[in-house]
PDB file of N, CA and C in Angstrom:
ATOM      1  N   MET A   1     -12.561  -6.049 -12.689  1.00  0.00           N
ATOM      2  CA  MET A   1     -12.950  -6.930 -11.612  1.00  0.00           C
ATOM      3  C   MET A   1     -13.357  -6.069 -10.406  1.00  0.00           C
ATOM      4  N   PRO A   2     -14.637  -5.936 -10.097  1.00  0.00           N
ATOM      5  CA  PRO A   2     -15.087  -5.008  -9.072  1.00  0.00           C
ATOM      6  C   PRO A   2     -14.666  -5.360  -7.658  1.00  0.00           C
ATOM      7  N   ASP A   3     -14.457  -6.604  -7.332  1.00  0.00           N
ATOM      8  CA  ASP A   3     -14.104  -7.003  -5.980  1.00  0.00           C
ATOM      9  C   ASP A   3     -12.601  -7.111  -5.748  1.00  0.00           C
ATOM     10  N   GLU A   4     -11.807  -6.686  -6.714  1.00  0.00           N
ATOM     11  CA  GLU A   4     -10.368  -6.799  -6.518  1.00  0.00           C
ATOM     12  C   GLU A   4      -9.911  -5.834  -5.429  1.00  0.00           C
ATOM     13  N   PRO A   5      -8.974  -6.267  -4.605  1.00  0.00           N
ATOM     14  CA  PRO A   5      -8.446  -5.388  -3.556  1.00  0.00           C
ATOM     15  C   PRO A   5      -7.771  -4.170  -4.184  1.00  0.00           C
ATOM     16  N   GLU A   6      -7.838  -3.056  -3.477  1.00  0.00           N
ATOM     17  CA  GLU A   6      -7.199  -1.834  -3.948  1.00  0.00           C
ATOM     18  C   GLU A   6      -6.246  -1.328  -2.878  1.00  0.00           C
ATOM     19  N   VAL A   7      -5.055  -0.959  -3.300  1.00  0.00           N
ATOM     20  CA  VAL A   7      -4.067  -0.351  -2.413  1.00  0.00           C
ATOM     21  C   VAL A   7      -3.852   1.078  -2.894  1.00  0.00           C
ATOM     22  N   VAL A   8      -4.102   2.033  -2.008  1.00  0.00           N
ATOM     23  CA  VAL A   8      -3.880   3.440  -2.322  1.00  0.00           C
ATOM     24  C   VAL A   8      -2.634   3.880  -1.558  1.00  0.00           C
ATOM     25  N   VAL A   9      -1.630   4.282  -2.299  1.00  0.00           N
ATOM     26  CA  VAL A   9      -0.353   4.703  -1.725  1.00  0.00           C
ATOM     27  C   VAL A   9      -0.311   6.224  -1.705  1.00  0.00           C
ATOM     28  N   CYS A  10      -0.124   6.798  -0.533  1.00  0.00           N
ATOM     29  CA  CYS A  10       0.002   8.249  -0.450  1.00  0.00           C
ATOM     30  C   CYS A  10       1.337   8.660  -1.081  1.00  0.00           C
ATOM     31  N   LEU A  11       1.240   9.514  -2.084  1.00  0.00           N
ATOM     32  CA  LEU A  11       2.435   9.993  -2.769  1.00  0.00           C
ATOM     33  C   LEU A  11       2.740  11.446  -2.417  1.00  0.00           C
ATOM     34  N   GLY A  12       2.071  11.951  -1.362  1.00  0.00           N
ATOM     35  CA  GLY A  12       2.386  13.291  -0.878  1.00  0.00           C
ATOM     36  C   GLY A  12       3.846  13.355  -0.463  1.00  0.00           C
ATOM     37  N   SER A  13       4.419  14.530  -0.497  1.00  0.00           N
ATOM     38  CA  SER A  13       5.863  14.652  -0.276  1.00  0.00           C
ATOM     39  C   SER A  13       6.307  14.092   1.073  1.00  0.00           C
ATOM     40  N   SER A  14       5.526  14.275   2.127  1.00  0.00           N
ATOM     41  CA  SER A  14       5.910  13.774   3.445  1.00  0.00           C
ATOM     42  C   SER A  14       5.924  12.250   3.470  1.00  0.00           C
ATOM     43  N   CYS A  15       4.834  11.627   3.053  1.00  0.00           N
ATOM     44  CA  CYS A  15       4.762  10.156   3.061  1.00  0.00           C
ATOM     45  C   CYS A  15       5.773   9.539   2.103  1.00  0.00           C
ATOM     46  N   PHE A  16       5.919  10.161   0.942  1.00  0.00           N
ATOM     47  CA  PHE A  16       6.836   9.609  -0.050  1.00  0.00           C
ATOM     48  C   PHE A  16       8.268   9.639   0.475  1.00  0.00           C
ATOM     49  N   ALA A  17       8.655  10.754   1.089  1.00  0.00           N
ATOM     50  CA  ALA A  17      10.017  10.889   1.631  1.00  0.00           C
ATOM     51  C   ALA A  17      10.226  10.013   2.859  1.00  0.00           C
ATOM     52  N   ARG A  18       9.170   9.754   3.620  1.00  0.00           N
ATOM     53  CA  ARG A  18       9.290   8.993   4.865  1.00  0.00           C
ATOM     54  C   ARG A  18       9.196   7.483   4.650  1.00  0.00           C
ATOM     55  N   GLY A  19       9.028   7.035   3.410  1.00  0.00           N
ATOM     56  CA  GLY A  19       9.060   5.595   3.185  1.00  0.00           C
ATOM     57  C   GLY A  19       8.159   5.048   2.106  1.00  0.00           C
ATOM     58  N   ASN A  20       7.200   5.827   1.615  1.00  0.00           N
ATOM     59  CA  ASN A  20       6.312   5.260   0.610  1.00  0.00           C
ATOM     60  C   ASN A  20       6.983   5.067  -0.750  1.00  0.00           C
ATOM     61  N   ALA A  21       8.103   5.719  -0.984  1.00  0.00           N
ATOM     62  CA  ALA A  21       8.852   5.432  -2.213  1.00  0.00           C
ATOM     63  C   ALA A  21       9.313   3.972  -2.180  1.00  0.00           C
ATOM     64  N   GLN A  22       9.864   3.548  -1.051  1.00  0.00           N
ATOM     65  CA  GLN A  22      10.312   2.172  -0.891  1.00  0.00           C
ATOM     66  C   GLN A  22       9.120   1.218  -0.789  1.00  0.00           C
ATOM     67  N   ASN A  23       8.053   1.644  -0.106  1.00  0.00           N
ATOM     68  CA  ASN A  23       6.873   0.797   0.026  1.00  0.00           C
ATOM     69  C   ASN A  23       6.238   0.516  -1.326  1.00  0.00           C
ATOM     70  N   LEU A  24       6.165   1.516  -2.182  1.00  0.00           N
ATOM     71  CA  LEU A  24       5.592   1.326  -3.512  1.00  0.00           C
ATOM     72  C   LEU A  24       6.410   0.331  -4.311  1.00  0.00           C
ATOM     73  N   SER A  25       7.716   0.467  -4.272  1.00  0.00           N
ATOM     74  CA  SER A  25       8.597  -0.464  -4.979  1.00  0.00           C
ATOM     75  C   SER A  25       8.439  -1.885  -4.440  1.00  0.00           C
ATOM     76  N   ALA A  26       8.401  -2.020  -3.118  1.00  0.00           N
ATOM     77  CA  ALA A  26       8.246  -3.345  -2.500  1.00  0.00           C
ATOM     78  C   ALA A  26       6.888  -3.944  -2.831  1.00  0.00           C
ATOM     79  N   LEU A  27       5.847  -3.127  -2.835  1.00  0.00           N
ATOM     80  CA  LEU A  27       4.501  -3.579  -3.173  1.00  0.00           C
ATOM     81  C   LEU A  27       4.453  -4.108  -4.605  1.00  0.00           C
ATOM     82  N   GLU A  28       5.005  -3.354  -5.531  1.00  0.00           N
ATOM     83  CA  GLU A  28       5.023  -3.784  -6.929  1.00  0.00           C
ATOM     84  C   GLU A  28       5.813  -5.081  -7.101  1.00  0.00           C
ATOM     85  N   SER A  29       6.949  -5.194  -6.449  1.00  0.00           N
ATOM     86  CA  SER A  29       7.770  -6.414  -6.542  1.00  0.00           C
ATOM     87  C   SER A  29       7.036  -7.609  -5.955  1.00  0.00           C
ATOM     88  N   TYR A  30       6.382  -7.409  -4.812  1.00  0.00           N
ATOM     89  CA  TYR A  30       5.635  -8.476  -4.154  1.00  0.00           C
ATOM     90  C   TYR A  30       4.528  -8.997  -5.058  1.00  0.00           C
ATOM     91  N   LEU A  31       3.748  -8.092  -5.615  1.00  0.00           N
ATOM     92  CA  LEU A  31       2.639  -8.502  -6.479  1.00  0.00           C
ATOM     93  C   LEU A  31       3.145  -9.206  -7.736  1.00  0.00           C
ATOM     94  N   GLN A  32       4.207  -8.686  -8.307  1.00  0.00           N
ATOM     95  CA  GLN A  32       4.765  -9.287  -9.517  1.00  0.00           C
ATOM     96  C   GLN A  32       5.312 -10.684  -9.235  1.00  0.00           C
ATOM     97  N   SER A  33       5.996 -10.872  -8.128  1.00  0.00           N
ATOM     98  CA  SER A  33       6.605 -12.169  -7.816  1.00  0.00           C
ATOM     99  C   SER A  33       5.564 -13.239  -7.504  1.00  0.00           C
ATOM    100  N   ARG A  34       4.358 -12.813  -7.166  1.00  0.00           N
ATOM    101  CA  ARG A  34       3.282 -13.761  -6.847  1.00  0.00           C
ATOM    102  C   ARG A  34       2.178 -13.769  -7.894  1.00  0.00           C
ATOM    103  N   SER A  35       2.468 -13.170  -9.047  1.00  0.00           N
ATOM    104  CA  SER A  35       1.508 -13.094 -10.157  1.00  0.00           C
ATOM    105  C   SER A  35       0.160 -12.521  -9.712  1.00  0.00           C
ATOM    106  N   LEU A  36       0.216 -11.493  -8.885  1.00  0.00           N
ATOM    107  CA  LEU A  36      -0.997 -10.852  -8.378  1.00  0.00           C
ATOM    108  C   LEU A  36      -1.259  -9.488  -9.015  1.00  0.00           C
ATOM    109  N   CYS A  37      -0.432  -9.106  -9.983  1.00  0.00           N
ATOM    110  CA  CYS A  37      -0.566  -7.772 -10.585  1.00  0.00           C
ATOM    111  C   CYS A  37      -1.949  -7.529 -11.174  1.00  0.00           C
ATOM    112  N   ASN A  38      -2.566  -8.556 -11.729  1.00  0.00           N
ATOM    113  CA  ASN A  38      -3.884  -8.399 -12.336  1.00  0.00           C
ATOM    114  C   ASN A  38      -5.014  -8.598 -11.333  1.00  0.00           C
ATOM    115  N   CYS A  39      -4.662  -8.909 -10.089  1.00  0.00           N
ATOM    116  CA  CYS A  39      -5.670  -9.188  -9.053  1.00  0.00           C
ATOM    117  C   CYS A  39      -5.781  -8.072  -8.025  1.00  0.00           C
ATOM    118  N   VAL A  40      -4.818  -7.172  -7.992  1.00  0.00           N
ATOM    119  CA  VAL A  40      -4.787  -6.092  -7.005  1.00  0.00           C
ATOM    120  C   VAL A  40      -4.589  -4.781  -7.746  1.00  0.00           C
ATOM    121  N   ARG A  41      -5.422  -3.817  -7.449  1.00  0.00           N
ATOM    122  CA  ARG A  41      -5.317  -2.510  -8.083  1.00  0.00           C
ATOM    123  C   ARG A  41      -4.478  -1.605  -7.192  1.00  0.00           C
ATOM    124  N   ILE A  42      -3.481  -0.948  -7.772  1.00  0.00           N
ATOM    125  CA  ILE A  42      -2.651   0.010  -7.046  1.00  0.00           C
ATOM    126  C   ILE A  42      -2.911   1.381  -7.653  1.00  0.00           C
ATOM    127  N   ARG A  43      -3.119   2.348  -6.786  1.00  0.00           N
ATOM    128  CA  ARG A  43      -3.212   3.725  -7.274  1.00  0.00           C
ATOM    129  C   ARG A  43      -2.582   4.647  -6.238  1.00  0.00           C
ATOM    130  N   GLY A  44      -2.201   5.801  -6.686  1.00  0.00           N
ATOM    131  CA  GLY A  44      -1.596   6.789  -5.805  1.00  0.00           C
ATOM    132  C   GLY A  44      -2.570   7.892  -5.481  1.00  0.00           C
ATOM    133  N   SER A  45      -2.326   8.546  -4.382  1.00  0.00           N
ATOM    134  CA  SER A  45      -3.073   9.753  -4.027  1.00  0.00           C
ATOM    135  C   SER A  45      -2.050  10.812  -3.647  1.00  0.00           C
ATOM    136  N   LEU A  46      -2.405  12.056  -3.863  1.00  0.00           N
ATOM    137  CA  LEU A  46      -1.446  13.119  -3.577  1.00  0.00           C
ATOM    138  C   LEU A  46      -1.271  13.386  -2.097  1.00  0.00           C
ATOM    139  N   CYS A  47      -2.323  13.323  -1.334  1.00  0.00           N
ATOM    140  CA  CYS A  47      -2.204  13.496   0.109  1.00  0.00           C
ATOM    141  C   CYS A  47      -3.463  12.944   0.758  1.00  0.00           C
ATOM    142  N   GLN A  48      -3.290  12.247   1.860  1.00  0.00           N
ATOM    143  CA  GLN A  48      -4.420  11.686   2.590  1.00  0.00           C
ATOM    144  C   GLN A  48      -4.712  12.491   3.857  1.00  0.00           C
ATOM    145  N   ASP A  49      -4.070  13.661   3.995  1.00  0.00           N
ATOM    146  CA  ASP A  49      -4.264  14.568   5.126  1.00  0.00           C
ATOM    147  C   ASP A  49      -3.978  13.923   6.481  1.00  0.00           C
ATOM    148  N   GLU A  50      -3.076  12.981   6.503  1.00  0.00           N
ATOM    149  CA  GLU A  50      -2.664  12.333   7.749  1.00  0.00           C
ATOM    150  C   GLU A  50      -1.138  12.259   7.794  1.00  0.00           C
ATOM    151  N   CYS A  51      -0.518  13.348   7.399  1.00  0.00           N
ATOM    152  CA  CYS A  51       0.932  13.394   7.227  1.00  0.00           C
ATOM    153  C   CYS A  51       1.712  13.019   8.483  1.00  0.00           C
ATOM    154  N   LYS A  52       1.227  13.426   9.633  1.00  0.00           N
ATOM    155  CA  LYS A  52       1.946  13.160  10.882  1.00  0.00           C
ATOM    156  C   LYS A  52       2.001  11.675  11.212  1.00  0.00           C
ATOM    157  N   GLN A  53       1.108  10.886  10.612  1.00  0.00           N
ATOM    158  CA  GLN A  53       1.063   9.449  10.878  1.00  0.00           C
ATOM    159  C   GLN A  53       1.695   8.637   9.762  1.00  0.00           C
ATOM    160  N   GLY A  54       2.294   9.302   8.782  1.00  0.00           N
ATOM    161  CA  GLY A  54       2.804   8.625   7.597  1.00  0.00           C
ATOM    162  C   GLY A  54       4.079   7.867   7.839  1.00  0.00           C
ATOM    163  N   PRO A  55       4.438   7.086   6.854  1.00  0.00           N
ATOM    164  CA  PRO A  55       3.795   6.911   5.554  1.00  0.00           C
ATOM    165  C   PRO A  55       2.479   6.133   5.667  1.00  0.00           C
ATOM    166  N   ASN A  56       1.520   6.534   4.832  1.00  0.00           N
ATOM    167  CA  ASN A  56       0.174   5.997   4.885  1.00  0.00           C
ATOM    168  C   ASN A  56      -0.180   5.186   3.639  1.00  0.00           C
ATOM    169  N   LEU A  57      -0.938   4.127   3.863  1.00  0.00           N
ATOM    170  CA  LEU A  57      -1.526   3.316   2.791  1.00  0.00           C
ATOM    171  C   LEU A  57      -2.978   3.065   3.154  1.00  0.00           C
ATOM    172  N   ILE A  58      -3.812   2.922   2.145  1.00  0.00           N
ATOM    173  CA  ILE A  58      -5.183   2.471   2.353  1.00  0.00           C
ATOM    174  C   ILE A  58      -5.322   1.168   1.569  1.00  0.00           C
ATOM    175  N   VAL A  59      -5.714   0.116   2.255  1.00  0.00           N
ATOM    176  CA  VAL A  59      -5.876  -1.190   1.618  1.00  0.00           C
ATOM    177  C   VAL A  59      -7.335  -1.601   1.755  1.00  0.00           C
ATOM    178  N   SER A  60      -8.014  -1.666   0.625  1.00  0.00           N
ATOM    179  CA  SER A  60      -9.437  -2.034   0.597  1.00  0.00           C
ATOM    180  C   SER A  60     -10.243  -1.252   1.636  1.00  0.00           C
ATOM    181  N   GLY A  61      -9.962   0.039   1.718  1.00  0.00           N
ATOM    182  CA  GLY A  61     -10.707   0.913   2.614  1.00  0.00           C
ATOM    183  C   GLY A  61     -10.163   1.022   4.026  1.00  0.00           C
ATOM    184  N   THR A  62      -9.211   0.189   4.407  1.00  0.00           N
ATOM    185  CA  THR A  62      -8.625   0.228   5.746  1.00  0.00           C
ATOM    186  C   THR A  62      -7.356   1.081   5.730  1.00  0.00           C
ATOM    187  N   HIS A  63      -7.312   2.077   6.592  1.00  0.00           N
ATOM    188  CA  HIS A  63      -6.153   2.969   6.658  1.00  0.00           C
ATOM    189  C   HIS A  63      -5.043   2.331   7.486  1.00  0.00           C
ATOM    190  N   HIS A  64      -3.825   2.421   6.967  1.00  0.00           N
ATOM    191  CA  HIS A  64      -2.638   1.931   7.670  1.00  0.00           C
ATOM    192  C   HIS A  64      -1.660   3.093   7.784  1.00  0.00           C
ATOM    193  N   HIS A  65      -1.167   3.325   8.993  1.00  0.00           N
ATOM    194  CA  HIS A  65      -0.273   4.443   9.265  1.00  0.00           C
ATOM    195  C   HIS A  65       1.099   3.933   9.704  1.00  0.00           C
ATOM    196  N   GLU A  66       2.088   4.808   9.547  1.00  0.00           N
ATOM    197  CA  GLU A  66       3.476   4.501   9.934  1.00  0.00           C
ATOM    198  C   GLU A  66       3.919   3.175   9.330  1.00  0.00           C
ATOM    199  N   VAL A  67       3.654   3.023   8.039  1.00  0.00           N
ATOM    200  CA  VAL A  67       3.955   1.773   7.349  1.00  0.00           C
ATOM    201  C   VAL A  67       5.451   1.710   7.042  1.00  0.00           C
ATOM    202  N   ASP A  68       6.109   0.771   7.714  1.00  0.00           N
ATOM    203  CA  ASP A  68       7.525   0.497   7.448  1.00  0.00           C
ATOM    204  C   ASP A  68       7.603  -0.870   6.762  1.00  0.00           C
ATOM    205  N   ALA A  69       8.798  -1.358   6.522  1.00  0.00           N
ATOM    206  CA  ALA A  69       8.970  -2.626   5.797  1.00  0.00           C
ATOM    207  C   ALA A  69       8.288  -3.793   6.511  1.00  0.00           C
ATOM    208  N   THR A  70       8.381  -3.844   7.832  1.00  0.00           N
ATOM    209  CA  THR A  70       7.761  -4.937   8.592  1.00  0.00           C
ATOM    210  C   THR A  70       6.246  -4.879   8.498  1.00  0.00           C
ATOM    211  N   LYS A  71       5.694  -3.705   8.706  1.00  0.00           N
ATOM    212  CA  LYS A  71       4.241  -3.544   8.646  1.00  0.00           C
ATOM    213  C   LYS A  71       3.731  -3.818   7.229  1.00  0.00           C
ATOM    214  N   LEU A  72       4.488  -3.404   6.223  1.00  0.00           N
ATOM    215  CA  LEU A  72       4.086  -3.657   4.837  1.00  0.00           C
ATOM    216  C   LEU A  72       4.019  -5.156   4.558  1.00  0.00           C
ATOM    217  N   ARG A  73       4.993  -5.913   5.054  1.00  0.00           N
ATOM    218  CA  ARG A  73       4.966  -7.375   4.859  1.00  0.00           C
ATOM    219  C   ARG A  73       3.715  -7.987   5.474  1.00  0.00           C
ATOM    220  N   GLU A  74       3.350  -7.530   6.665  1.00  0.00           N
ATOM    221  CA  GLU A  74       2.135  -8.026   7.324  1.00  0.00           C
ATOM    222  C   GLU A  74       0.895  -7.697   6.493  1.00  0.00           C
ATOM    223  N   ILE A  75       0.817  -6.483   6.007  1.00  0.00           N
ATOM    224  CA  ILE A  75      -0.320  -6.057   5.188  1.00  0.00           C
ATOM    225  C   ILE A  75      -0.394  -6.910   3.924  1.00  0.00           C
ATOM    226  N   LEU A  76       0.737  -7.138   3.291  1.00  0.00           N
ATOM    227  CA  LEU A  76       0.758  -7.896   2.039  1.00  0.00           C
ATOM    228  C   LEU A  76       0.393  -9.360   2.254  1.00  0.00           C
ATOM    229  N   GLN A  77       0.778  -9.927   3.384  1.00  0.00           N
ATOM    230  CA  GLN A  77       0.388 -11.302   3.676  1.00  0.00           C
ATOM    231  C   GLN A  77      -1.122 -11.419   3.801  1.00  0.00           C
ATOM    232  N   HIS A  78      -1.756 -10.453   4.443  1.00  0.00           N
ATOM    233  CA  HIS A  78      -3.212 -10.448   4.560  1.00  0.00           C
ATOM    234  C   HIS A  78      -3.852 -10.232   3.190  1.00  0.00           C
ATOM    235  N   LEU A  79      -3.256  -9.369   2.405  1.00  0.00           N
ATOM    236  CA  LEU A  79      -3.766  -9.087   1.065  1.00  0.00           C
ATOM    237  C   LEU A  79      -3.718 -10.342   0.200  1.00  0.00           C
ATOM    238  N   ASN A  80      -2.647 -11.094   0.331  1.00  0.00           N
ATOM    239  CA  ASN A  80      -2.469 -12.326  -0.447  1.00  0.00           C
ATOM    240  C   ASN A  80      -3.530 -13.366  -0.072  1.00  0.00           C
ATOM    241  N   ARG A  81      -3.993 -13.308   1.173  1.00  0.00           N
ATOM    242  CA  ARG A  81      -5.022 -14.257   1.623  1.00  0.00           C
ATOM    243  C   ARG A  81      -6.426 -13.719   1.412  1.00  0.00           C
ATOM    244  N   GLY A  82      -6.517 -12.515   0.841  1.00  0.00           N
ATOM    245  CA  GLY A  82      -7.818 -11.931   0.579  1.00  0.00           C
ATOM    246  C   GLY A  82      -8.413 -11.212   1.756  1.00  0.00           C
ATOM    247  N   GLU A  83      -7.592 -10.937   2.787  1.00  0.00           N
ATOM    248  CA  GLU A  83      -8.057 -10.202   3.957  1.00  0.00           C
ATOM    249  C   GLU A  83      -7.662  -8.743   3.808  1.00  0.00           C
ATOM    250  N   GLN A  84      -8.149  -7.899   4.687  1.00  0.00           N
ATOM    251  CA  GLN A  84      -7.762  -6.490   4.683  1.00  0.00           C
ATOM    252  C   GLN A  84      -6.526  -6.283   5.507  1.00  0.00           C
TER     253      GLN A  84
END
């Protein structure tokens, strides 16, 4: 599906240790609980070269920095509505 939203999770050591381990788990649980697993593509990247602003996610081309649990919920709500 070419128009499906894509979430790129930085799996670099800094972002992963600063919260993307939990963000990835929460993202997967959110998509699964809403039957969105086949509608949203998730992939990892080793480093997005923005370590000081991490943890970082890219959602459909939009960069999100300092993603904590609250910010992730906001991002996911927009994703569920088809927004960036």
